[in-house]
Every structure is written in C-alpha cells, then in structure tokens.
C-alpha cells in the first residue's frame, strides 16, 4: 500500500490509497464512524480499473489522529479474530 496526501488541514484529511480496494476501505470507514469526533468518513473510487481509492475524513479533532486510532482498533480486532480462529478444532 502507498499513501499519497492530497489534502491535510486542521480538520480534514484526504488521501489516496494505492493498492487498496473496497474491502479495506469499508472496514476503515466503518471503524472511523465509531469515533465521536469524526464528522465525516468515506471514500470513492472513480474508476475501479484505472484509479485508486481516495479516502476523506473530517473531524472536530485532528483527522490524522482519528485515522491512526481507527487503524489500531482494526489491528486489535484482527489479532483477536486470528486468536479465536486458531482455537477452532
């Protein structure tokens, strides 16, 4: 994955996520909505063959911090799932 910052201000972050698709972007978007400071979170892919997802987050706090915390929560959930899956017989 490569990230390209398209816009970054006090309350808004817009990044291009090269190499990602709907699977990761949907999970990240849903997790961002669990943050009370996030006012808007979403992404778009103009052309699934030729363009990369562009993710936009607006927050009453620092959007980069909200994104980092959402990613950390997703990592924790994935680790828990992996542990549970490993216990299956």
PDB file of N, CA and C in Angstrom:
ATOM      1  N   UNK A   1       0.850  -1.175   0.000  1.00  0.00           N
ATOM      2  CA  UNK A   1       0.000   0.000   0.000  1.00  0.00           C
ATOM      3  C   UNK A   1       0.897   1.239   0.000  1.00  0.00           C
ATOM      4  N   UNK A   2       0.489   2.198  -0.774  1.00  0.00           N
ATOM      5  CA  UNK A   2       1.148   3.502  -0.784  1.00  0.00           C
ATOM      6  C   UNK A   2       0.100   4.554  -0.466  1.00  0.00           C
ATOM      7  N   UNK A   3       0.469   5.536   0.343  1.00  0.00           N
ATOM      8  CA  UNK A   3      -0.431   6.635   0.676  1.00  0.00           C
ATOM      9  C   UNK A   3       0.100   7.927   0.075  1.00  0.00           C
ATOM     10  N   UNK A   4      -0.817   8.695  -0.471  1.00  0.00           N
ATOM     11  CA  UNK A   4      -0.462   9.996  -1.024  1.00  0.00           C
ATOM     12  C   UNK A   4      -1.438  11.014  -0.424  1.00  0.00           C
ATOM     13  N   UNK A   5      -0.913  11.969   0.326  1.00  0.00           N
ATOM     14  CA  UNK A   5      -1.758  13.002   0.924  1.00  0.00           C
ATOM     15  C   UNK A   5      -2.162  13.985  -0.169  1.00  0.00           C
ATOM     16  N   UNK A   6      -3.470  14.109  -0.351  1.00  0.00           N
ATOM     17  CA  UNK A   6      -3.994  15.052  -1.347  1.00  0.00           C
ATOM     18  C   UNK A   6      -4.390  16.366  -0.696  1.00  0.00           C
ATOM     19  N   UNK A   7      -4.784  16.287   0.578  1.00  0.00           N
ATOM     20  CA  UNK A   7      -5.187  17.478   1.328  1.00  0.00           C
ATOM     21  C   UNK A   7      -5.075  17.161   2.811  1.00  0.00           C
ATOM     22  N   UNK A   8      -4.515  18.091   3.576  1.00  0.00           N
ATOM     23  CA  UNK A   8      -4.438  17.916   5.021  1.00  0.00           C
ATOM     24  C   UNK A   8      -4.544  19.289   5.667  1.00  0.00           C
ATOM     25  N   UNK A   9      -5.613  19.448   6.422  1.00  0.00           N
ATOM     26  CA  UNK A   9      -5.805  20.692   7.154  1.00  0.00           C
ATOM     27  C   UNK A   9      -6.131  20.332   8.598  1.00  0.00           C
ATOM     28  N   UNK A  10      -6.475  21.327   9.365  1.00  0.00           N
ATOM     29  CA  UNK A  10      -6.754  21.122  10.797  1.00  0.00           C
ATOM     30  C   UNK A  10      -7.827  20.067  11.030  1.00  0.00           C
ATOM     31  N   UNK A  11      -8.860  20.051  10.215  1.00  0.00           N
ATOM     32  CA  UNK A  11      -9.995  19.164  10.439  1.00  0.00           C
ATOM     33  C   UNK A  11     -10.313  18.228   9.278  1.00  0.00           C
ATOM     34  N   UNK A  12      -9.472  18.209   8.259  1.00  0.00           N
ATOM     35  CA  UNK A  12      -9.776  17.372   7.094  1.00  0.00           C
ATOM     36  C   UNK A  12      -8.512  16.692   6.575  1.00  0.00           C
ATOM     37  N   UNK A  13      -8.685  15.431   6.187  1.00  0.00           N
ATOM     38  CA  UNK A  13      -7.598  14.665   5.598  1.00  0.00           C
ATOM     39  C   UNK A  13      -8.146  13.939   4.383  1.00  0.00           C
ATOM     40  N   UNK A  14      -7.441  14.080   3.270  1.00  0.00           N
ATOM     41  CA  UNK A  14      -7.835  13.418   2.024  1.00  0.00           C
ATOM     42  C   UNK A  14      -6.601  12.712   1.492  1.00  0.00           C
ATOM     43  N   UNK A  15      -6.681  11.367   1.389  1.00  0.00           N
ATOM     44  CA  UNK A  15      -5.522  10.595   0.952  1.00  0.00           C
ATOM     45  C   UNK A  15      -5.909   9.591  -0.122  1.00  0.00           C
ATOM     46  N   UNK A  16      -4.957   9.341  -0.990  1.00  0.00           N
ATOM     47  CA  UNK A  16      -5.107   8.297  -1.995  1.00  0.00           C
ATOM     48  C   UNK A  16      -4.435   7.048  -1.446  1.00  0.00           C
ATOM     49  N   UNK A  17      -5.122   5.901  -1.547  1.00  0.00           N
ATOM     50  CA  UNK A  17      -4.614   4.642  -1.004  1.00  0.00           C
ATOM     51  C   UNK A  17      -4.304   3.692  -2.153  1.00  0.00           C
ATOM     52  N   UNK A  18      -3.118   3.805  -2.694  1.00  0.00           N
ATOM     53  CA  UNK A  18      -2.721   2.978  -3.830  1.00  0.00           C
ATOM     54  C   UNK A  18      -2.577   1.523  -3.396  1.00  0.00           C
ATOM     55  N   UNK A  19      -3.214   0.642  -4.144  1.00  0.00           N
ATOM     56  CA  UNK A  19      -3.110  -0.788  -3.866  1.00  0.00           C
ATOM     57  C   UNK A  19      -4.229  -1.332  -2.983  1.00  0.00           C
ATOM     58  N   UNK A  20      -5.165  -0.502  -2.598  1.00  0.00           N
ATOM     59  CA  UNK A  20      -6.277  -0.968  -1.764  1.00  0.00           C
ATOM     60  C   UNK A  20      -7.565  -1.014  -2.577  1.00  0.00           C
ATOM     61  N   UNK A  21      -8.587  -1.641  -1.980  1.00  0.00           N
ATOM     62  CA  UNK A  21      -9.874  -1.753  -2.648  1.00  0.00           C
ATOM     63  C   UNK A  21     -10.992  -1.559  -1.625  1.00  0.00           C
ATOM     64  N   UNK A  22     -12.200  -1.921  -2.020  1.00  0.00           N
ATOM     65  CA  UNK A  22     -13.360  -1.716  -1.154  1.00  0.00           C
ATOM     66  C   UNK A  22     -13.245  -2.451   0.179  1.00  0.00           C
ATOM     67  N   UNK A  23     -12.608  -3.607   0.197  1.00  0.00           N
ATOM     68  CA  UNK A  23     -12.551  -4.420   1.406  1.00  0.00           C
ATOM     69  C   UNK A  23     -11.930  -3.645   2.562  1.00  0.00           C
ATOM     70  N   UNK A  24     -10.730  -3.152   2.377  1.00  0.00           N
ATOM     71  CA  UNK A  24     -10.052  -2.413   3.439  1.00  0.00           C
ATOM     72  C   UNK A  24     -10.724  -1.068   3.691  1.00  0.00           C
ATOM     73  N   UNK A  25     -11.075  -0.363   2.637  1.00  0.00           N
ATOM     74  CA  UNK A  25     -11.667   0.971   2.791  1.00  0.00           C
ATOM     75  C   UNK A  25     -12.992   0.924   3.551  1.00  0.00           C
ATOM     76  N   UNK A  26     -13.820  -0.080   3.278  1.00  0.00           N
ATOM     77  CA  UNK A  26     -15.086  -0.205   4.006  1.00  0.00           C
ATOM     78  C   UNK A  26     -14.855  -0.463   5.486  1.00  0.00           C
ATOM     79  N   UNK A  27     -13.917  -1.347   5.805  1.00  0.00           N
ATOM     80  CA  UNK A  27     -13.626  -1.644   7.212  1.00  0.00           C
ATOM     81  C   UNK A  27     -13.121  -0.398   7.924  1.00  0.00           C
ATOM     82  N   UNK A  28     -12.232   0.344   7.291  1.00  0.00           N
ATOM     83  CA  UNK A  28     -11.691   1.559   7.892  1.00  0.00           C
ATOM     84  C   UNK A  28     -12.773   2.617   8.059  1.00  0.00           C
ATOM     85  N   UNK A  29     -13.601   2.784   7.062  1.00  0.00           N
ATOM     86  CA  UNK A  29     -14.694   3.769   7.134  1.00  0.00           C
ATOM     87  C   UNK A  29     -15.624   3.449   8.295  1.00  0.00           C
ATOM     88  N   UNK A  30     -16.023   2.191   8.410  1.00  0.00           N
ATOM     89  CA  UNK A  30     -16.931   1.792   9.492  1.00  0.00           C
ATOM     90  C   UNK A  30     -16.292   2.022  10.861  1.00  0.00           C
ATOM     91  N   UNK A  31     -15.013   1.725  10.985  1.00  0.00           N
ATOM     92  CA  UNK A  31     -14.336   1.921  12.276  1.00  0.00           C
ATOM     93  C   UNK A  31     -14.208   3.402  12.602  1.00  0.00           C
ATOM     94  N   UNK A  32     -13.976   4.233  11.614  1.00  0.00           N
ATOM     95  CA  UNK A  32     -13.890   5.673  11.860  1.00  0.00           C
ATOM     96  C   UNK A  32     -15.202   6.231  12.406  1.00  0.00           C
ATOM     97  N   UNK A  33     -16.318   5.676  11.956  1.00  0.00           N
ATOM     98  CA  UNK A  33     -17.611   6.160  12.425  1.00  0.00           C
ATOM     99  C   UNK A  33     -17.834   5.856  13.908  1.00  0.00           C
ATOM    100  N   UNK A  34     -17.013   4.999  14.511  1.00  0.00           N
ATOM    101  CA  UNK A  34     -17.108   4.726  15.949  1.00  0.00           C
ATOM    102  C   UNK A  34     -16.455   5.817  16.789  1.00  0.00           C
ATOM    103  N   UNK A  35     -15.787   6.743  16.161  1.00  0.00           N
ATOM    104  CA  UNK A  35     -15.119   7.856  16.845  1.00  0.00           C
ATOM    105  C   UNK A  35     -16.088   9.029  16.936  1.00  0.00           C
ATOM    106  N   UNK A  36     -16.353   9.488  18.151  1.00  0.00           N
ATOM    107  CA  UNK A  36     -17.328  10.574  18.343  1.00  0.00           C
ATOM    108  C   UNK A  36     -16.890  11.896  17.721  1.00  0.00           C
ATOM    109  N   UNK A  37     -15.588  12.077  17.496  1.00  0.00           N
ATOM    110  CA  UNK A  37     -15.092  13.316  16.902  1.00  0.00           C
ATOM    111  C   UNK A  37     -15.160  13.328  15.382  1.00  0.00           C
ATOM    112  N   UNK A  38     -15.361  12.170  14.767  1.00  0.00           N
ATOM    113  CA  UNK A  38     -15.414  12.090  13.304  1.00  0.00           C
ATOM    114  C   UNK A  38     -16.766  12.589  12.810  1.00  0.00           C
ATOM    115  N   UNK A  39     -16.713  13.580  11.962  1.00  0.00           N
ATOM    116  CA  UNK A  39     -17.931  14.185  11.408  1.00  0.00           C
ATOM    117  C   UNK A  39     -18.285  13.600  10.045  1.00  0.00           C
ATOM    118  N   UNK A  40     -17.279  13.141   9.313  1.00  0.00           N
ATOM    119  CA  UNK A  40     -17.499  12.524   8.003  1.00  0.00           C
ATOM    120  C   UNK A  40     -16.334  11.586   7.715  1.00  0.00           C
ATOM    121  N   UNK A  41     -16.663  10.433   7.163  1.00  0.00           N
ATOM    122  CA  UNK A  41     -15.634   9.470   6.768  1.00  0.00           C
ATOM    123  C   UNK A  41     -16.171   8.671   5.592  1.00  0.00           C
ATOM    124  N   UNK A  42     -15.408   8.616   4.540  1.00  0.00           N
ATOM    125  CA  UNK A  42     -15.836   7.866   3.370  1.00  0.00           C
ATOM    126  C   UNK A  42     -14.737   7.832   2.335  1.00  0.00           C
ATOM    127  N   UNK A  43     -15.022   7.182   1.253  1.00  0.00           N
ATOM    128  CA  UNK A  43     -14.046   7.075   0.175  1.00  0.00           C
ATOM    129  C   UNK A  43     -14.782   6.936  -1.145  1.00  0.00           C
ATOM    130  N   UNK A  44     -14.048   7.127  -2.223  1.00  0.00           N
ATOM    131  CA  UNK A  44     -14.616   6.896  -3.544  1.00  0.00           C
ATOM    132  C   UNK A  44     -13.524   6.337  -4.450  1.00  0.00           C
ATOM    133  N   UNK A  45     -13.972   5.588  -5.432  1.00  0.00           N
ATOM    134  CA  UNK A  45     -13.088   5.071  -6.475  1.00  0.00           C
ATOM    135  C   UNK A  45     -13.736   5.480  -7.794  1.00  0.00           C
ATOM    136  N   UNK A  46     -13.127   6.433  -8.469  1.00  0.00           N
ATOM    137  CA  UNK A  46     -13.732   6.961  -9.689  1.00  0.00           C
ATOM    138  C   UNK A  46     -13.871   5.895 -10.766  1.00  0.00           C
ATOM    139  N   UNK A  47     -12.827   5.110 -10.961  1.00  0.00           N
ATOM    140  CA  UNK A  47     -12.835   4.060 -11.965  1.00  0.00           C
ATOM    141  C   UNK A  47     -12.068   2.877 -11.389  1.00  0.00           C
ATOM    142  N   UNK A  48     -12.745   1.770 -11.110  1.00  0.00           N
ATOM    143  CA  UNK A  48     -12.081   0.659 -10.433  1.00  0.00           C
ATOM    144  C   UNK A  48     -10.916   0.051 -11.204  1.00  0.00           C
ATOM    145  N   UNK A  49     -10.824   0.301 -12.478  1.00  0.00           N
ATOM    146  CA  UNK A  49      -9.724  -0.248 -13.267  1.00  0.00           C
ATOM    147  C   UNK A  49      -8.544   0.719 -13.326  1.00  0.00           C
ATOM    148  N   UNK A  50      -8.837   2.017 -13.327  1.00  0.00           N
ATOM    149  CA  UNK A  50      -7.779   2.987 -13.584  1.00  0.00           C
ATOM    150  C   UNK A  50      -7.400   3.873 -12.398  1.00  0.00           C
ATOM    151  N   UNK A  51      -8.204   3.932 -11.358  1.00  0.00           N
ATOM    152  CA  UNK A  51      -7.900   4.859 -10.263  1.00  0.00           C
ATOM    153  C   UNK A  51      -7.837   4.138  -8.921  1.00  0.00           C
ATOM    154  N   UNK A  52      -7.244   4.809  -7.974  1.00  0.00           N
ATOM    155  CA  UNK A  52      -7.077   4.295  -6.624  1.00  0.00           C
ATOM    156  C   UNK A  52      -8.132   4.910  -5.705  1.00  0.00           C
ATOM    157  N   UNK A  53      -8.451   4.246  -4.582  1.00  0.00           N
ATOM    158  CA  UNK A  53      -9.416   4.823  -3.642  1.00  0.00           C
ATOM    159  C   UNK A  53      -8.894   6.142  -3.067  1.00  0.00           C
ATOM    160  N   UNK A  54      -9.792   7.092  -2.923  1.00  0.00           N
ATOM    161  CA  UNK A  54      -9.486   8.350  -2.251  1.00  0.00           C
ATOM    162  C   UNK A  54     -10.345   8.393  -0.998  1.00  0.00           C
ATOM    163  N   UNK A  55      -9.688   8.488   0.144  1.00  0.00           N
ATOM    164  CA  UNK A  55     -10.345   8.443   1.442  1.00  0.00           C
ATOM    165  C   UNK A  55     -10.394   9.854   2.005  1.00  0.00           C
ATOM    166  N   UNK A  56     -11.560  10.232   2.524  1.00  0.00           N
ATOM    167  CA  UNK A  56     -11.745  11.574   3.089  1.00  0.00           C
ATOM    168  C   UNK A  56     -12.283  11.432   4.504  1.00  0.00           C
ATOM    169  N   UNK A  57     -11.656  12.151   5.436  1.00  0.00           N
ATOM    170  CA  UNK A  57     -12.142  12.172   6.811  1.00  0.00           C
ATOM    171  C   UNK A  57     -12.165  13.611   7.306  1.00  0.00           C
ATOM    172  N   UNK A  58     -13.279  13.964   7.931  1.00  0.00           N
ATOM    173  CA  UNK A  58     -13.411  15.263   8.582  1.00  0.00           C
ATOM    174  C   UNK A  58     -13.707  14.998  10.041  1.00  0.00           C
ATOM    175  N   UNK A  59     -13.042  15.749  10.911  1.00  0.00           N
ATOM    176  CA  UNK A  59     -13.145  15.507  12.341  1.00  0.00           C
ATOM    177  C   UNK A  59     -13.134  16.830  13.094  1.00  0.00           C
ATOM    178  N   UNK A  60     -13.747  16.838  14.273  1.00  0.00           N
ATOM    179  CA  UNK A  60     -13.662  18.030  15.114  1.00  0.00           C
ATOM    180  C   UNK A  60     -12.296  18.093  15.783  1.00  0.00           C
ATOM    181  N   UNK A  61     -11.570  16.982  15.780  1.00  0.00           N
ATOM    182  CA  UNK A  61     -10.195  16.931  16.270  1.00  0.00           C
ATOM    183  C   UNK A  61      -9.253  16.792  15.096  1.00  0.00           C
ATOM    184  N   UNK A  62      -8.085  16.249  15.351  1.00  0.00           N
ATOM    185  CA  UNK A  62      -7.092  16.030  14.301  1.00  0.00           C
ATOM    186  C   UNK A  62      -7.448  14.778  13.514  1.00  0.00           C
ATOM    187  N   UNK A  63      -7.736  14.885  12.222  1.00  0.00           N
ATOM    188  CA  UNK A  63      -8.153  13.715  11.441  1.00  0.00           C
ATOM    189  C   UNK A  63      -7.074  12.645  11.327  1.00  0.00           C
ATOM    190  N   UNK A  64      -5.811  13.028  11.320  1.00  0.00           N
ATOM    191  CA  UNK A  64      -4.730  12.041  11.241  1.00  0.00           C
ATOM    192  C   UNK A  64      -4.735  11.167  12.499  1.00  0.00           C
ATOM    193  N   UNK A  65      -4.993  11.781  13.645  1.00  0.00           N
ATOM    194  CA  UNK A  65      -5.060  11.036  14.907  1.00  0.00           C
ATOM    195  C   UNK A  65      -6.247  10.074  14.884  1.00  0.00           C
ATOM    196  N   UNK A  66      -7.380  10.530  14.395  1.00  0.00           N
ATOM    197  CA  UNK A  66      -8.570   9.670  14.307  1.00  0.00           C
ATOM    198  C   UNK A  66      -8.297   8.473  13.399  1.00  0.00           C
ATOM    199  N   UNK A  67      -7.617   8.706  12.283  1.00  0.00           N
ATOM    200  CA  UNK A  67      -7.290   7.630  11.348  1.00  0.00           C
ATOM    201  C   UNK A  67      -6.345   6.632  12.013  1.00  0.00           C
ATOM    202  N   UNK A  68      -5.325   7.124  12.691  1.00  0.00           N
ATOM    203  CA  UNK A  68      -4.367   6.251  13.373  1.00  0.00           C
ATOM    204  C   UNK A  68      -5.051   5.390  14.422  1.00  0.00           C
ATOM    205  N   UNK A  69      -5.925   5.993  15.209  1.00  0.00           N
ATOM    206  CA  UNK A  69      -6.627   5.251  16.255  1.00  0.00           C
ATOM    207  C   UNK A  69      -7.577   4.210  15.668  1.00  0.00           C
ATOM    208  N   UNK A  70      -8.230   4.527  14.568  1.00  0.00           N
ATOM    209  CA  UNK A  70      -9.125   3.569  13.915  1.00  0.00           C
ATOM    210  C   UNK A  70      -8.329   2.375  13.383  1.00  0.00           C
ATOM    211  N   UNK A  71      -7.172   2.640  12.808  1.00  0.00           N
ATOM    212  CA  UNK A  71      -6.319   1.556  12.302  1.00  0.00           C
ATOM    213  C   UNK A  71      -5.852   0.672  13.447  1.00  0.00           C
ATOM    214  N   UNK A  72      -5.497   1.278  14.574  1.00  0.00           N
ATOM    215  CA  UNK A  72      -5.076   0.499  15.741  1.00  0.00           C
ATOM    216  C   UNK A  72      -6.206  -0.385  16.266  1.00  0.00           C
ATOM    217  N   UNK A  73      -7.430   0.132  16.259  1.00  0.00           N
ATOM    218  CA  UNK A  73      -8.579  -0.679  16.704  1.00  0.00           C
ATOM    219  C   UNK A  73      -8.816  -1.848  15.742  1.00  0.00           C
ATOM    220  N   UNK A  74      -8.675  -1.602  14.452  1.00  0.00           N
ATOM    221  CA  UNK A  74      -8.825  -2.683  13.473  1.00  0.00           C
ATOM    222  C   UNK A  74      -7.744  -3.744  13.660  1.00  0.00           C
ATOM    223  N   UNK A  75      -6.525  -3.312  13.939  1.00  0.00           N
ATOM    224  CA  UNK A  75      -5.439  -4.270  14.169  1.00  0.00           C
ATOM    225  C   UNK A  75      -5.756  -5.142  15.382  1.00  0.00           C
ATOM    226  N   UNK A  76      -6.277  -4.541  16.438  1.00  0.00           N
ATOM    227  CA  UNK A  76      -6.627  -5.281  17.649  1.00  0.00           C
ATOM    228  C   UNK A  76      -7.733  -6.295  17.349  1.00  0.00           C
ATOM    229  N   UNK A  77      -8.741  -5.878  16.597  1.00  0.00           N
ATOM    230  CA  UNK A  77      -9.831  -6.788  16.244  1.00  0.00           C
ATOM    231  C   UNK A  77      -9.312  -7.945  15.396  1.00  0.00           C
ATOM    232  N   UNK A  78      -8.418  -7.670  14.462  1.00  0.00           N
ATOM    233  CA  UNK A  78      -7.854  -8.730  13.619  1.00  0.00           C
ATOM    234  C   UNK A  78      -7.031  -9.706  14.447  1.00  0.00           C
ATOM    235  N   UNK A  79      -6.283  -9.190  15.418  1.00  0.00           N
ATOM    236  CA  UNK A  79      -5.479 -10.053  16.281  1.00  0.00           C
ATOM    237  C   UNK A  79      -6.381 -10.969  17.107  1.00  0.00           C
ATOM    238  N   UNK A  80      -7.489 -10.417  17.629  1.00  0.00           N
ATOM    239  CA  UNK A  80      -8.443 -11.216  18.402  1.00  0.00           C
ATOM    240  C   UNK A  80      -9.086 -12.292  17.525  1.00  0.00           C
ATOM    241  N   UNK A  81      -9.465 -11.931  16.308  1.00  0.00           N
ATOM    242  CA  UNK A  81     -10.059 -12.895  15.392  1.00  0.00           C
ATOM    243  C   UNK A  81      -9.078 -14.009  15.058  1.00  0.00           C
ATOM    244  N   UNK A  82      -7.833 -13.646  14.804  1.00  0.00           N
ATOM    245  CA  UNK A  82      -6.813 -14.637  14.497  1.00  0.00           C
ATOM    246  C   UNK A  82      -6.645 -15.608  15.668  1.00  0.00           C
ATOM    247  N   UNK A  83      -6.656 -15.087  16.879  1.00  0.00           N
ATOM    248  CA  UNK A  83      -6.523 -15.933  18.071  1.00  0.00           C
ATOM    249  C   UNK A  83      -7.703 -16.886  18.200  1.00  0.00           C
ATOM    250  N   UNK A  84      -8.902 -16.386  18.008  1.00  0.00           N
ATOM    251  CA  UNK A  84     -10.093 -17.224  18.089  1.00  0.00           C
ATOM    252  C   UNK A  84     -10.110 -18.287  16.990  1.00  0.00           C
ATOM    253  N   UNK A  85      -9.714 -17.879  15.805  1.00  0.00           N
ATOM    254  CA  UNK A  85      -9.688 -18.822  14.678  1.00  0.00           C
ATOM    255  C   UNK A  85      -8.682 -19.933  14.930  1.00  0.00           C
ATOM    256  N   UNK A  86      -7.563 -19.584  15.548  1.00  0.00           N
ATOM    257  CA  UNK A  86      -6.538 -20.576  15.856  1.00  0.00           C
ATOM    258  C   UNK A  86      -6.994 -21.618  16.860  1.00  0.00           C
ATOM    259  N   UNK A  87      -8.002 -21.283  17.662  1.00  0.00           N
ATOM    260  CA  UNK A  87      -8.516 -22.208  18.682  1.00  0.00           C
ATOM    261  C   UNK A  87      -9.572 -23.150  18.140  1.00  0.00           C
ATOM    262  N   UNK A  88     -10.035 -22.923  16.901  1.00  0.00           N
ATOM    263  CA  UNK A  88     -11.047 -23.795  16.319  1.00  0.00           C
ATOM    264  C   UNK A  88     -10.476 -25.185  16.073  1.00  0.00           C
ATOM    265  N   UNK A  89     -11.321 -26.170  16.232  1.00  0.00           N
ATOM    266  CA  UNK A  89     -10.883 -27.554  16.003  1.00  0.00           C
ATOM    267  C   UNK A  89     -11.535 -28.110  14.772  1.00  0.00           C
TER     268      UNK A  89
END
